[in-house]
Amino acid sequence: MQILIQSPNTTPTDVLMKFIKNKIAKLLHFDDSIQAAEVLLEIEGSDSIDNKVCEIRFVIPGNDLFAKKRSSTFEDAVTQATETLQGEVNKIKSIFQHQ
């Protein structure tokens, strides 16, 4: 599976990049039909402490899955987004198992 990480207004550390790849790789165990993961990291220019945004799109045949989360750290935003996507993947698998 291809993992594309973009960060237009910040440079992610190697530790953060490895963290993201590990989180996404764990989701492969739930659904091997995921063809690619597109991750976008942004720092929004607000005065709020929760200005780190992570958007993740899973490219899946049929409908893509998408999650966008905001937090005070990229790690927390990535964790929240992957947890949301894990729930969506589980929901889709449940629907197909009952057909």
PDB file of N, CA and C in Angstrom:
ATOM      1  N   MET A   1       0.848  -1.180   0.000  1.00  0.00           N
ATOM      2  CA  MET A   1       0.000   0.000   0.000  1.00  0.00           C
ATOM      3  C   MET A   1       0.886   1.232   0.000  1.00  0.00           C
ATOM      4  N   GLN A   2       0.464   2.201  -0.746  1.00  0.00           N
ATOM      5  CA  GLN A   2       1.194   3.454  -0.850  1.00  0.00           C
ATOM      6  C   GLN A   2       0.713   4.419   0.230  1.00  0.00           C
ATOM      7  N   ILE A   3       1.662   5.038   0.938  1.00  0.00           N
ATOM      8  CA  ILE A   3       1.331   6.052   1.929  1.00  0.00           C
ATOM      9  C   ILE A   3       1.971   7.360   1.476  1.00  0.00           C
ATOM     10  N   LEU A   4       1.136   8.348   1.186  1.00  0.00           N
ATOM     11  CA  LEU A   4       1.599   9.657   0.739  1.00  0.00           C
ATOM     12  C   LEU A   4       1.361  10.651   1.868  1.00  0.00           C
ATOM     13  N   ILE A   5       2.432  11.277   2.336  1.00  0.00           N
ATOM     14  CA  ILE A   5       2.318  12.255   3.426  1.00  0.00           C
ATOM     15  C   ILE A   5       2.723  13.615   2.877  1.00  0.00           C
ATOM     16  N   GLN A   6       1.803  14.562   2.993  1.00  0.00           N
ATOM     17  CA  GLN A   6       2.065  15.929   2.544  1.00  0.00           C
ATOM     18  C   GLN A   6       1.956  16.868   3.738  1.00  0.00           C
ATOM     19  N   SER A   7       2.824  17.858   3.736  1.00  0.00           N
ATOM     20  CA  SER A   7       2.823  18.844   4.802  1.00  0.00           C
ATOM     21  C   SER A   7       3.282  20.174   4.212  1.00  0.00           C
ATOM     22  N   PRO A   8       2.335  20.922   3.641  1.00  0.00           N
ATOM     23  CA  PRO A   8       2.723  22.113   2.876  1.00  0.00           C
ATOM     24  C   PRO A   8       3.345  23.252   3.679  1.00  0.00           C
ATOM     25  N   ASN A   9       2.989  23.418   4.951  1.00  0.00           N
ATOM     26  CA  ASN A   9       3.508  24.576   5.685  1.00  0.00           C
ATOM     27  C   ASN A   9       4.318  24.204   6.915  1.00  0.00           C
ATOM     28  N   THR A  10       4.780  22.965   6.972  1.00  0.00           N
ATOM     29  CA  THR A  10       5.644  22.526   8.058  1.00  0.00           C
ATOM     30  C   THR A  10       6.452  21.328   7.588  1.00  0.00           C
ATOM     31  N   THR A  11       7.559  21.071   8.241  1.00  0.00           N
ATOM     32  CA  THR A  11       8.381  19.922   7.901  1.00  0.00           C
ATOM     33  C   THR A  11       8.286  18.906   9.031  1.00  0.00           C
ATOM     34  N   PRO A  12       7.639  17.764   8.770  1.00  0.00           N
ATOM     35  CA  PRO A  12       7.504  16.757   9.825  1.00  0.00           C
ATOM     36  C   PRO A  12       8.842  16.091  10.139  1.00  0.00           C
ATOM     37  N   THR A  13       9.037  15.741  11.395  1.00  0.00           N
ATOM     38  CA  THR A  13      10.256  15.061  11.807  1.00  0.00           C
ATOM     39  C   THR A  13      10.216  13.612  11.338  1.00  0.00           C
ATOM     40  N   ASP A  14      11.362  12.973  11.344  1.00  0.00           N
ATOM     41  CA  ASP A  14      11.425  11.554  10.990  1.00  0.00           C
ATOM     42  C   ASP A  14      10.622  10.718  11.973  1.00  0.00           C
ATOM     43  N   VAL A  15      10.632  11.114  13.235  1.00  0.00           N
ATOM     44  CA  VAL A  15       9.877  10.396  14.261  1.00  0.00           C
ATOM     45  C   VAL A  15       8.382  10.480  13.959  1.00  0.00           C
ATOM     46  N   LEU A  16       7.906  11.656  13.576  1.00  0.00           N
ATOM     47  CA  LEU A  16       6.490  11.831  13.233  1.00  0.00           C
ATOM     48  C   LEU A  16       6.137  11.022  11.989  1.00  0.00           C
ATOM     49  N   MET A  17       6.988  11.031  10.996  1.00  0.00           N
ATOM     50  CA  MET A  17       6.735  10.262   9.771  1.00  0.00           C
ATOM     51  C   MET A  17       6.629   8.768  10.085  1.00  0.00           C
ATOM     52  N   LYS A  18       7.529   8.257  10.917  1.00  0.00           N
ATOM     53  CA  LYS A  18       7.497   6.848  11.300  1.00  0.00           C
ATOM     54  C   LYS A  18       6.232   6.541  12.103  1.00  0.00           C
ATOM     55  N   PHE A  19       5.841   7.451  12.992  1.00  0.00           N
ATOM     56  CA  PHE A  19       4.630   7.305  13.799  1.00  0.00           C
ATOM     57  C   PHE A  19       3.408   7.171  12.893  1.00  0.00           C
ATOM     58  N   ILE A  20       3.306   8.045  11.903  1.00  0.00           N
ATOM     59  CA  ILE A  20       2.172   8.031  10.970  1.00  0.00           C
ATOM     60  C   ILE A  20       2.145   6.712  10.190  1.00  0.00           C
ATOM     61  N   LYS A  21       3.281   6.309   9.665  1.00  0.00           N
ATOM     62  CA  LYS A  21       3.346   5.071   8.877  1.00  0.00           C
ATOM     63  C   LYS A  21       2.968   3.853   9.719  1.00  0.00           C
ATOM     64  N   ASN A  22       3.397   3.826  10.977  1.00  0.00           N
ATOM     65  CA  ASN A  22       3.050   2.709  11.858  1.00  0.00           C
ATOM     66  C   ASN A  22       1.553   2.674  12.147  1.00  0.00           C
ATOM     67  N   LYS A  23       0.951   3.828  12.415  1.00  0.00           N
ATOM     68  CA  LYS A  23      -0.489   3.900  12.697  1.00  0.00           C
ATOM     69  C   LYS A  23      -1.299   3.409  11.499  1.00  0.00           C
ATOM     70  N   ILE A  24      -0.905   3.839  10.315  1.00  0.00           N
ATOM     71  CA  ILE A  24      -1.645   3.457   9.111  1.00  0.00           C
ATOM     72  C   ILE A  24      -1.418   1.984   8.780  1.00  0.00           C
ATOM     73  N   ALA A  25      -0.203   1.499   8.975  1.00  0.00           N
ATOM     74  CA  ALA A  25       0.096   0.094   8.693  1.00  0.00           C
ATOM     75  C   ALA A  25      -0.749  -0.832   9.565  1.00  0.00           C
ATOM     76  N   LYS A  26      -1.020  -0.433  10.799  1.00  0.00           N
ATOM     77  CA  LYS A  26      -1.848  -1.244  11.691  1.00  0.00           C
ATOM     78  C   LYS A  26      -3.261  -1.415  11.132  1.00  0.00           C
ATOM     79  N   LEU A  27      -3.753  -0.403  10.425  1.00  0.00           N
ATOM     80  CA  LEU A  27      -5.099  -0.486   9.865  1.00  0.00           C
ATOM     81  C   LEU A  27      -5.184  -1.453   8.690  1.00  0.00           C
ATOM     82  N   LEU A  28      -4.056  -1.770   8.091  1.00  0.00           N
ATOM     83  CA  LEU A  28      -4.046  -2.749   7.008  1.00  0.00           C
ATOM     84  C   LEU A  28      -4.501  -4.118   7.494  1.00  0.00           C
ATOM     85  N   HIS A  29      -4.280  -4.395   8.758  1.00  0.00           N
ATOM     86  CA  HIS A  29      -4.700  -5.686   9.316  1.00  0.00           C
ATOM     87  C   HIS A  29      -6.225  -5.809   9.325  1.00  0.00           C
ATOM     88  N   PHE A  30      -6.911  -4.671   9.326  1.00  0.00           N
ATOM     89  CA  PHE A  30      -8.369  -4.687   9.372  1.00  0.00           C
ATOM     90  C   PHE A  30      -8.989  -4.811   7.989  1.00  0.00           C
ATOM     91  N   ASP A  31      -8.326  -4.261   6.968  1.00  0.00           N
ATOM     92  CA  ASP A  31      -8.892  -4.291   5.619  1.00  0.00           C
ATOM     93  C   ASP A  31      -7.766  -4.202   4.594  1.00  0.00           C
ATOM     94  N   ASP A  32      -7.544  -5.277   3.885  1.00  0.00           N
ATOM     95  CA  ASP A  32      -6.479  -5.279   2.889  1.00  0.00           C
ATOM     96  C   ASP A  32      -6.925  -4.765   1.528  1.00  0.00           C
ATOM     97  N   SER A  33      -8.152  -4.231   1.437  1.00  0.00           N
ATOM     98  CA  SER A  33      -8.585  -3.623   0.179  1.00  0.00           C
ATOM     99  C   SER A  33      -8.169  -2.151   0.093  1.00  0.00           C
ATOM    100  N   ILE A  34      -7.566  -1.630   1.144  1.00  0.00           N
ATOM    101  CA  ILE A  34      -7.080  -0.244   1.128  1.00  0.00           C
ATOM    102  C   ILE A  34      -5.899  -0.184   0.167  1.00  0.00           C
ATOM    103  N   GLN A  35      -6.037   0.638  -0.858  1.00  0.00           N
ATOM    104  CA  GLN A  35      -4.995   0.716  -1.883  1.00  0.00           C
ATOM    105  C   GLN A  35      -3.945   1.772  -1.568  1.00  0.00           C
ATOM    106  N   ALA A  36      -4.357   2.862  -0.920  1.00  0.00           N
ATOM    107  CA  ALA A  36      -3.419   3.936  -0.611  1.00  0.00           C
ATOM    108  C   ALA A  36      -3.958   4.757   0.548  1.00  0.00           C
ATOM    109  N   ALA A  37      -3.049   5.426   1.208  1.00  0.00           N
ATOM    110  CA  ALA A  37      -3.417   6.362   2.265  1.00  0.00           C
ATOM    111  C   ALA A  37      -2.773   7.710   1.946  1.00  0.00           C
ATOM    112  N   GLU A  38      -3.591   8.745   1.960  1.00  0.00           N
ATOM    113  CA  GLU A  38      -3.106  10.093   1.708  1.00  0.00           C
ATOM    114  C   GLU A  38      -3.260  10.886   2.993  1.00  0.00           C
ATOM    115  N   VAL A  39      -2.150  11.387   3.507  1.00  0.00           N
ATOM    116  CA  VAL A  39      -2.143  12.106   4.781  1.00  0.00           C
ATOM    117  C   VAL A  39      -1.738  13.553   4.517  1.00  0.00           C
ATOM    118  N   LEU A  40      -2.499  14.477   5.076  1.00  0.00           N
ATOM    119  CA  LEU A  40      -2.188  15.892   4.969  1.00  0.00           C
ATOM    120  C   LEU A  40      -2.049  16.460   6.376  1.00  0.00           C
ATOM    121  N   LEU A  41      -0.897  17.055   6.663  1.00  0.00           N
ATOM    122  CA  LEU A  41      -0.652  17.694   7.951  1.00  0.00           C
ATOM    123  C   LEU A  41      -0.579  19.202   7.740  1.00  0.00           C
ATOM    124  N   GLU A  42      -1.341  19.933   8.534  1.00  0.00           N
ATOM    125  CA  GLU A  42      -1.345  21.392   8.404  1.00  0.00           C
ATOM    126  C   GLU A  42      -1.342  22.038   9.771  1.00  0.00           C
ATOM    127  N   ILE A  43      -0.754  23.219   9.821  1.00  0.00           N
ATOM    128  CA  ILE A  43      -0.882  24.069  10.996  1.00  0.00           C
ATOM    129  C   ILE A  43      -1.761  25.222  10.562  1.00  0.00           C
ATOM    130  N   GLU A  44      -2.944  25.297  11.171  1.00  0.00           N
ATOM    131  CA  GLU A  44      -3.866  26.371  10.825  1.00  0.00           C
ATOM    132  C   GLU A  44      -3.486  27.614  11.612  1.00  0.00           C
ATOM    133  N   GLY A  45      -3.652  28.743  10.996  1.00  0.00           N
ATOM    134  CA  GLY A  45      -3.210  30.005  11.565  1.00  0.00           C
ATOM    135  C   GLY A  45      -4.126  30.601  12.611  1.00  0.00           C
ATOM    136  N   SER A  46      -4.713  29.768  13.422  1.00  0.00           N
ATOM    137  CA  SER A  46      -5.594  30.298  14.463  1.00  0.00           C
ATOM    138  C   SER A  46      -4.801  30.515  15.746  1.00  0.00           C
ATOM    139  N   ASP A  47      -5.384  31.280  16.654  1.00  0.00           N
ATOM    140  CA  ASP A  47      -4.752  31.534  17.937  1.00  0.00           C
ATOM    141  C   ASP A  47      -4.985  30.388  18.917  1.00  0.00           C
ATOM    142  N   SER A  48      -5.794  29.433  18.519  1.00  0.00           N
ATOM    143  CA  SER A  48      -6.117  28.291  19.370  1.00  0.00           C
ATOM    144  C   SER A  48      -4.910  27.368  19.512  1.00  0.00           C
ATOM    145  N   ILE A  49      -4.823  26.712  20.652  1.00  0.00           N
ATOM    146  CA  ILE A  49      -3.755  25.737  20.860  1.00  0.00           C
ATOM    147  C   ILE A  49      -3.972  24.500  19.993  1.00  0.00           C
ATOM    148  N   ASP A  50      -5.227  24.214  19.653  1.00  0.00           N
ATOM    149  CA  ASP A  50      -5.557  23.072  18.797  1.00  0.00           C
ATOM    150  C   ASP A  50      -5.474  23.472  17.325  1.00  0.00           C
ATOM    151  N   ASN A  51      -4.270  23.821  16.882  1.00  0.00           N
ATOM    152  CA  ASN A  51      -4.122  24.293  15.507  1.00  0.00           C
ATOM    153  C   ASN A  51      -3.430  23.283  14.595  1.00  0.00           C
ATOM    154  N   LYS A  52      -3.147  22.077  15.089  1.00  0.00           N
ATOM    155  CA  LYS A  52      -2.540  21.027  14.255  1.00  0.00           C
ATOM    156  C   LYS A  52      -3.664  20.175  13.669  1.00  0.00           C
ATOM    157  N   VAL A  53      -3.680  20.044  12.349  1.00  0.00           N
ATOM    158  CA  VAL A  53      -4.752  19.332  11.656  1.00  0.00           C
ATOM    159  C   VAL A  53      -4.155  18.163  10.878  1.00  0.00           C
ATOM    160  N   CYS A  54      -4.823  17.025  10.989  1.00  0.00           N
ATOM    161  CA  CYS A  54      -4.450  15.837  10.224  1.00  0.00           C
ATOM    162  C   CYS A  54      -5.667  15.388   9.432  1.00  0.00           C
ATOM    163  N   GLU A  55      -5.495  15.256   8.129  1.00  0.00           N
ATOM    164  CA  GLU A  55      -6.531  14.706   7.258  1.00  0.00           C
ATOM    165  C   GLU A  55      -5.979  13.411   6.669  1.00  0.00           C
ATOM    166  N   ILE A  56      -6.771  12.348   6.735  1.00  0.00           N
ATOM    167  CA  ILE A  56      -6.354  11.071   6.150  1.00  0.00           C
ATOM    168  C   ILE A  56      -7.463  10.578   5.232  1.00  0.00           C
ATOM    169  N   ARG A  57      -7.089  10.191   4.033  1.00  0.00           N
ATOM    170  CA  ARG A  57      -8.017   9.605   3.064  1.00  0.00           C
ATOM    171  C   ARG A  57      -7.496   8.218   2.708  1.00  0.00           C
ATOM    172  N   PHE A  58      -8.355   7.221   2.884  1.00  0.00           N
ATOM    173  CA  PHE A  58      -8.031   5.869   2.447  1.00  0.00           C
ATOM    174  C   PHE A  58      -8.670   5.659   1.086  1.00  0.00           C
ATOM    175  N   VAL A  59      -7.864   5.297   0.115  1.00  0.00           N
ATOM    176  CA  VAL A  59      -8.355   5.011  -1.221  1.00  0.00           C
ATOM    177  C   VAL A  59      -8.752   3.533  -1.243  1.00  0.00           C
ATOM    178  N   ILE A  60     -10.054   3.313  -1.409  1.00  0.00           N
ATOM    179  CA  ILE A  60     -10.634   1.974  -1.397  1.00  0.00           C
ATOM    180  C   ILE A  60     -11.546   1.868  -2.611  1.00  0.00           C
ATOM    181  N   PRO A  61     -11.542   0.734  -3.306  1.00  0.00           N
ATOM    182  CA  PRO A  61     -12.476   0.581  -4.423  1.00  0.00           C
ATOM    183  C   PRO A  61     -13.915   0.825  -3.958  1.00  0.00           C
ATOM    184  N   GLY A  62     -14.621   1.627  -4.712  1.00  0.00           N
ATOM    185  CA  GLY A  62     -15.988   1.986  -4.321  1.00  0.00           C
ATOM    186  C   GLY A  62     -15.995   3.373  -3.722  1.00  0.00           C
ATOM    187  N   ASN A  63     -15.941   3.445  -2.406  1.00  0.00           N
ATOM    188  CA  ASN A  63     -15.945   4.739  -1.714  1.00  0.00           C
ATOM    189  C   ASN A  63     -14.694   4.898  -0.880  1.00  0.00           C
ATOM    190  N   ASP A  64     -14.053   6.058  -1.002  1.00  0.00           N
ATOM    191  CA  ASP A  64     -12.913   6.358  -0.153  1.00  0.00           C
ATOM    192  C   ASP A  64     -13.406   6.696   1.250  1.00  0.00           C
ATOM    193  N   LEU A  65     -12.533   6.494   2.231  1.00  0.00           N
ATOM    194  CA  LEU A  65     -12.839   6.880   3.606  1.00  0.00           C
ATOM    195  C   LEU A  65     -11.991   8.087   3.955  1.00  0.00           C
ATOM    196  N   PHE A  66     -12.562   8.999   4.752  1.00  0.00           N
ATOM    197  CA  PHE A  66     -11.883  10.253   5.066  1.00  0.00           C
ATOM    198  C   PHE A  66     -12.107  10.619   6.521  1.00  0.00           C
ATOM    199  N   ALA A  67     -11.049  11.125   7.152  1.00  0.00           N
ATOM    200  CA  ALA A  67     -11.166  11.641   8.516  1.00  0.00           C
ATOM    201  C   ALA A  67     -10.295  12.882   8.638  1.00  0.00           C
ATOM    202  N   LYS A  68     -10.810  13.857   9.369  1.00  0.00           N
ATOM    203  CA  LYS A  68     -10.076  15.091   9.629  1.00  0.00           C
ATOM    204  C   LYS A  68     -10.192  15.382  11.113  1.00  0.00           C
ATOM    205  N   LYS A  69      -9.036  15.528  11.763  1.00  0.00           N
ATOM    206  CA  LYS A  69      -9.020  15.791  13.202  1.00  0.00           C
ATOM    207  C   LYS A  69      -8.061  16.931  13.506  1.00  0.00           C
ATOM    208  N   ARG A  70      -8.381  17.645  14.574  1.00  0.00           N
ATOM    209  CA  ARG A  70      -7.597  18.798  15.018  1.00  0.00           C
ATOM    210  C   ARG A  70      -7.196  18.570  16.472  1.00  0.00           C
ATOM    211  N   SER A  71      -5.943  18.920  16.797  1.00  0.00           N
ATOM    212  CA  SER A  71      -5.463  18.752  18.165  1.00  0.00           C
ATOM    213  C   SER A  71      -4.293  19.700  18.412  1.00  0.00           C
ATOM    214  N   SER A  72      -3.740  19.601  19.611  1.00  0.00           N
ATOM    215  CA  SER A  72      -2.596  20.449  19.953  1.00  0.00           C
ATOM    216  C   SER A  72      -1.283  19.853  19.448  1.00  0.00           C
ATOM    217  N   THR A  73      -1.281  18.546  19.119  1.00  0.00           N
ATOM    218  CA  THR A  73      -0.091  17.903  18.546  1.00  0.00           C
ATOM    219  C   THR A  73      -0.497  17.097  17.322  1.00  0.00           C
ATOM    220  N   PHE A  74       0.447  16.931  16.414  1.00  0.00           N
ATOM    221  CA  PHE A  74       0.168  16.112  15.234  1.00  0.00           C
ATOM    222  C   PHE A  74      -0.057  14.656  15.629  1.00  0.00           C
ATOM    223  N   GLU A  75       0.696  14.173  16.603  1.00  0.00           N
ATOM    224  CA  GLU A  75       0.545  12.783  17.020  1.00  0.00           C
ATOM    225  C   GLU A  75      -0.871  12.500  17.501  1.00  0.00           C
ATOM    226  N   ASP A  76      -1.413  13.401  18.295  1.00  0.00           N
ATOM    227  CA  ASP A  76      -2.774  13.218  18.801  1.00  0.00           C
ATOM    228  C   ASP A  76      -3.799  13.309  17.666  1.00  0.00           C
ATOM    229  N   ALA A  77      -3.601  14.235  16.749  1.00  0.00           N
ATOM    230  CA  ALA A  77      -4.516  14.376  15.613  1.00  0.00           C
ATOM    231  C   ALA A  77      -4.466  13.131  14.726  1.00  0.00           C
ATOM    232  N   VAL A  78      -3.277  12.584  14.504  1.00  0.00           N
ATOM    233  CA  VAL A  78      -3.128  11.366  13.705  1.00  0.00           C
ATOM    234  C   VAL A  78      -3.815  10.198  14.407  1.00  0.00           C
ATOM    235  N   THR A  79      -3.609  10.081  15.710  1.00  0.00           N
ATOM    236  CA  THR A  79      -4.233   9.001  16.476  1.00  0.00           C
ATOM    237  C   THR A  79      -5.749   9.079  16.394  1.00  0.00           C
ATOM    238  N   GLN A  80      -6.305  10.262  16.574  1.00  0.00           N
ATOM    239  CA  GLN A  80      -7.759  10.436  16.506  1.00  0.00           C
ATOM    240  C   GLN A  80      -8.284  10.094  15.115  1.00  0.00           C
ATOM    241  N   ALA A  81      -7.582  10.534  14.076  1.00  0.00           N
ATOM    242  CA  ALA A  81      -8.028  10.272  12.703  1.00  0.00           C
ATOM    243  C   ALA A  81      -7.966   8.782  12.379  1.00  0.00           C
ATOM    244  N   THR A  82      -6.904   8.101  12.800  1.00  0.00           N
ATOM    245  CA  THR A  82      -6.807   6.671  12.511  1.00  0.00           C
ATOM    246  C   THR A  82      -7.847   5.879  13.300  1.00  0.00           C
ATOM    247  N   GLU A  83      -8.160   6.311  14.521  1.00  0.00           N
ATOM    248  CA  GLU A  83      -9.210   5.639  15.296  1.00  0.00           C
ATOM    249  C   GLU A  83     -10.569   5.794  14.617  1.00  0.00           C
ATOM    250  N   THR A  84     -10.839   6.976  14.083  1.00  0.00           N
ATOM    251  CA  THR A  84     -12.086   7.201  13.352  1.00  0.00           C
ATOM    252  C   THR A  84     -12.150   6.311  12.121  1.00  0.00           C
ATOM    253  N   LEU A  85     -11.053   6.238  11.382  1.00  0.00           N
ATOM    254  CA  LEU A  85     -11.024   5.401  10.179  1.00  0.00           C
ATOM    255  C   LEU A  85     -11.126   3.923  10.516  1.00  0.00           C
ATOM    256  N   GLN A  86     -10.558   3.514  11.637  1.00  0.00           N
ATOM    257  CA  GLN A  86     -10.682   2.118  12.048  1.00  0.00           C
ATOM    258  C   GLN A  86     -12.144   1.778  12.293  1.00  0.00           C
ATOM    259  N   GLY A  87     -12.882   2.684  12.912  1.00  0.00           N
ATOM    260  CA  GLY A  87     -14.309   2.464  13.119  1.00  0.00           C
ATOM    261  C   GLY A  87     -15.059   2.362  11.810  1.00  0.00           C
ATOM    262  N   GLU A  88     -14.711   3.192  10.849  1.00  0.00           N
ATOM    263  CA  GLU A  88     -15.360   3.154   9.536  1.00  0.00           C
ATOM    264  C   GLU A  88     -15.046   1.854   8.803  1.00  0.00           C
ATOM    265  N   VAL A  89     -13.798   1.423   8.870  1.00  0.00           N
ATOM    266  CA  VAL A  89     -13.407   0.164   8.233  1.00  0.00           C
ATOM    267  C   VAL A  89     -14.170  -0.995   8.863  1.00  0.00           C
ATOM    268  N   ASN A  90     -14.264  -0.999  10.193  1.00  0.00           N
ATOM    269  CA  ASN A  90     -15.002  -2.066  10.887  1.00  0.00           C
ATOM    270  C   ASN A  90     -16.474  -2.063  10.495  1.00  0.00           C
ATOM    271  N   LYS A  91     -17.045  -0.875  10.354  1.00  0.00           N
ATOM    272  CA  LYS A  91     -18.451  -0.756   9.969  1.00  0.00           C
ATOM    273  C   LYS A  91     -18.676  -1.341   8.575  1.00  0.00           C
ATOM    274  N   ILE A  92     -17.793  -1.032   7.647  1.00  0.00           N
ATOM    275  CA  ILE A  92     -17.914  -1.539   6.276  1.00  0.00           C
ATOM    276  C   ILE A  92     -17.754  -3.055   6.248  1.00  0.00           C
ATOM    277  N   LYS A  93     -16.775  -3.574   6.991  1.00  0.00           N
ATOM    278  CA  LYS A  93     -16.571  -5.022   7.038  1.00  0.00           C
ATOM    279  C   LYS A  93     -17.802  -5.717   7.624  1.00  0.00           C
ATOM    280  N   SER A  94     -18.419  -5.101   8.625  1.00  0.00           N
ATOM    281  CA  SER A  94     -19.616  -5.676   9.251  1.00  0.00           C
ATOM    282  C   SER A  94     -20.766  -5.744   8.248  1.00  0.00           C
ATOM    283  N   ILE A  95     -20.930  -4.719   7.454  1.00  0.00           N
ATOM    284  CA  ILE A  95     -21.987  -4.688   6.453  1.00  0.00           C
ATOM    285  C   ILE A  95     -21.783  -5.802   5.429  1.00  0.00           C
ATOM    286  N   PHE A  96     -20.533  -5.973   4.957  1.00  0.00           N
ATOM    287  CA  PHE A  96     -20.268  -7.007   3.959  1.00  0.00           C
ATOM    288  C   PHE A  96     -20.384  -8.409   4.528  1.00  0.00           C
ATOM    289  N   GLN A  97     -20.108  -8.593   5.810  1.00  0.00           N
ATOM    290  CA  GLN A  97     -20.224  -9.912   6.419  1.00  0.00           C
ATOM    291  C   GLN A  97     -21.675 -10.328   6.575  1.00  0.00           C
ATOM    292  N   HIS A  98     -22.586  -9.371   6.671  1.00  0.00           N
ATOM    293  CA  HIS A  98     -23.998  -9.681   6.863  1.00  0.00           C
ATOM    294  C   HIS A  98     -24.765  -9.810   5.544  1.00  0.00           C
ATOM    295  N   GLN A  99     -24.052  -9.703   4.429  1.00  0.00           N
ATOM    296  CA  GLN A  99     -24.714  -9.827   3.129  1.00  0.00           C
ATOM    297  C   GLN A  99     -24.627 -11.241   2.624  1.00  0.00           C
TER     298      GLN A  99
END
